[in-house]
Amino acid sequence: MVHITGGGFTENIPRVIPKGLGAKIFRGAWEIPPLFKWIQETGKILESEMFLTFNMGIGMIAIMERSDADKVLELGYDLKIIGEIVDRDGVYFQ
């Protein structure tokens, strides 16, 4: 589990996965709340900075096997698959 706090995705996700692995985050997998869009537009903030500084509407990430994720999604909560673990260091946005 990853609590997405200051440092956003790029600093928090690597703390909970083995070295040598990374995360590919799927842009568009969730709707970014209008507040974040407003902050970005009003402050003329780069998207990369928004993902680093703010959570873009994501507060917690649970990393698990895909088969387990499918079971969790069946619980009916507003959950999303927003990425996948990859064989490459770092966090990437696609």
Protein backbone atom coordinates (compact mmCIF):
# COMPACT_ATOMS: atom_id res chain seq x y z
CA MET A 1 0.00 0.00 0.00
CA VAL A 2 1.23 3.48 -0.83
CA HIS A 3 -0.11 6.66 0.73
CA ILE A 4 0.33 9.30 -1.97
CA THR A 5 1.50 12.36 -0.03
CA GLY A 6 4.07 15.08 -0.72
CA GLY A 7 6.36 13.74 -3.40
CA GLY A 8 3.39 12.36 -5.28
CA PHE A 9 3.61 9.23 -7.36
CA THR A 10 7.29 9.48 -8.29
CA GLU A 11 8.67 9.56 -4.76
CA ASN A 12 6.15 7.38 -2.93
CA ILE A 13 5.61 4.35 -5.18
CA PRO A 14 9.31 3.35 -5.39
CA ARG A 15 9.39 3.12 -1.59
CA VAL A 16 7.18 0.02 -1.59
CA ILE A 17 8.39 -1.97 -4.59
CA PRO A 18 11.64 -3.90 -4.98
CA LYS A 19 14.66 -2.13 -6.47
CA GLY A 20 14.86 -2.62 -10.21
CA LEU A 21 11.11 -2.39 -10.65
CA GLY A 22 9.05 0.65 -11.48
CA ALA A 23 5.49 1.70 -12.16
CA LYS A 24 3.73 2.69 -15.35
CA ILE A 25 0.77 4.93 -14.51
CA PHE A 26 -2.06 5.11 -17.04
CA ARG A 27 -3.09 8.74 -17.57
CA GLY A 28 -6.81 8.83 -18.06
CA ALA A 29 -7.45 5.77 -15.86
CA TRP A 30 -9.29 8.03 -13.42
CA GLU A 31 -10.99 11.38 -13.63
CA ILE A 32 -8.80 14.12 -12.19
CA PRO A 33 -10.97 16.27 -9.90
CA PRO A 34 -11.78 19.73 -11.27
CA LEU A 35 -9.92 21.39 -8.37
CA PHE A 36 -6.59 20.03 -9.62
CA LYS A 37 -7.34 21.16 -13.18
CA TRP A 38 -8.15 24.63 -11.85
CA ILE A 39 -4.94 24.78 -9.79
CA GLN A 40 -2.89 23.74 -12.80
CA GLU A 41 -4.50 26.23 -15.18
CA THR A 42 -4.63 29.15 -12.74
CA GLY A 43 -1.08 28.64 -11.51
CA LYS A 44 0.28 27.72 -14.94
CA ILE A 45 1.82 24.60 -13.38
CA LEU A 46 3.37 21.87 -15.49
CA GLU A 47 1.58 18.53 -15.41
CA SER A 48 4.75 16.82 -14.18
CA GLU A 49 4.83 19.19 -11.20
CA MET A 50 1.15 18.53 -10.50
CA PHE A 51 1.82 14.80 -10.24
CA LEU A 52 4.88 15.41 -8.06
CA THR A 53 3.33 17.96 -5.70
CA PHE A 54 -0.33 16.94 -5.67
CA ASN A 55 -1.97 13.56 -5.71
CA MET A 56 -4.26 14.39 -8.64
CA GLY A 57 -7.14 12.76 -6.78
CA ILE A 58 -5.33 9.58 -5.78
CA GLY A 59 -4.73 9.20 -2.06
CA MET A 60 -3.86 5.52 -1.72
CA ILE A 61 -2.50 2.90 -4.08
CA ALA A 62 -2.65 -0.84 -3.41
CA ILE A 63 -0.14 -2.90 -5.40
CA MET A 64 -1.13 -6.52 -5.99
CA GLU A 65 -1.23 -9.33 -8.50
CA ARG A 66 -3.58 -8.64 -11.41
CA SER A 67 -5.77 -11.63 -10.51
CA ASP A 68 -6.20 -10.22 -7.01
CA ALA A 69 -7.00 -6.78 -8.44
CA ASP A 70 -9.82 -8.27 -10.51
CA LYS A 71 -11.28 -9.80 -7.33
CA VAL A 72 -11.01 -6.49 -5.44
CA LEU A 73 -12.74 -4.61 -8.27
CA GLU A 74 -15.68 -7.00 -7.91
CA LEU A 75 -16.31 -5.59 -4.42
CA GLY A 76 -18.11 -2.70 -6.08
CA TYR A 77 -16.29 0.29 -4.61
CA ASP A 78 -15.10 3.17 -6.79
CA LEU A 79 -11.72 1.54 -7.45
CA LYS A 80 -9.59 1.79 -10.55
CA ILE A 81 -6.60 0.03 -12.03
CA ILE A 82 -4.34 3.00 -12.68
CA GLY A 83 -1.11 1.31 -13.68
CA GLU A 84 1.18 -1.67 -13.58
CA ILE A 85 4.55 -2.67 -12.18
CA VAL A 86 7.28 -2.82 -14.83
CA ASP A 87 10.84 -4.18 -15.02
CA ARG A 88 12.41 -0.72 -15.04
CA ASP A 89 13.28 1.76 -12.29
CA GLY A 90 11.13 4.83 -11.84
CA VAL A 91 7.55 5.94 -12.30
CA TYR A 92 6.32 6.63 -15.83
CA PHE A 93 3.11 8.17 -17.09
CA GLN A 94 1.52 6.83 -20.25
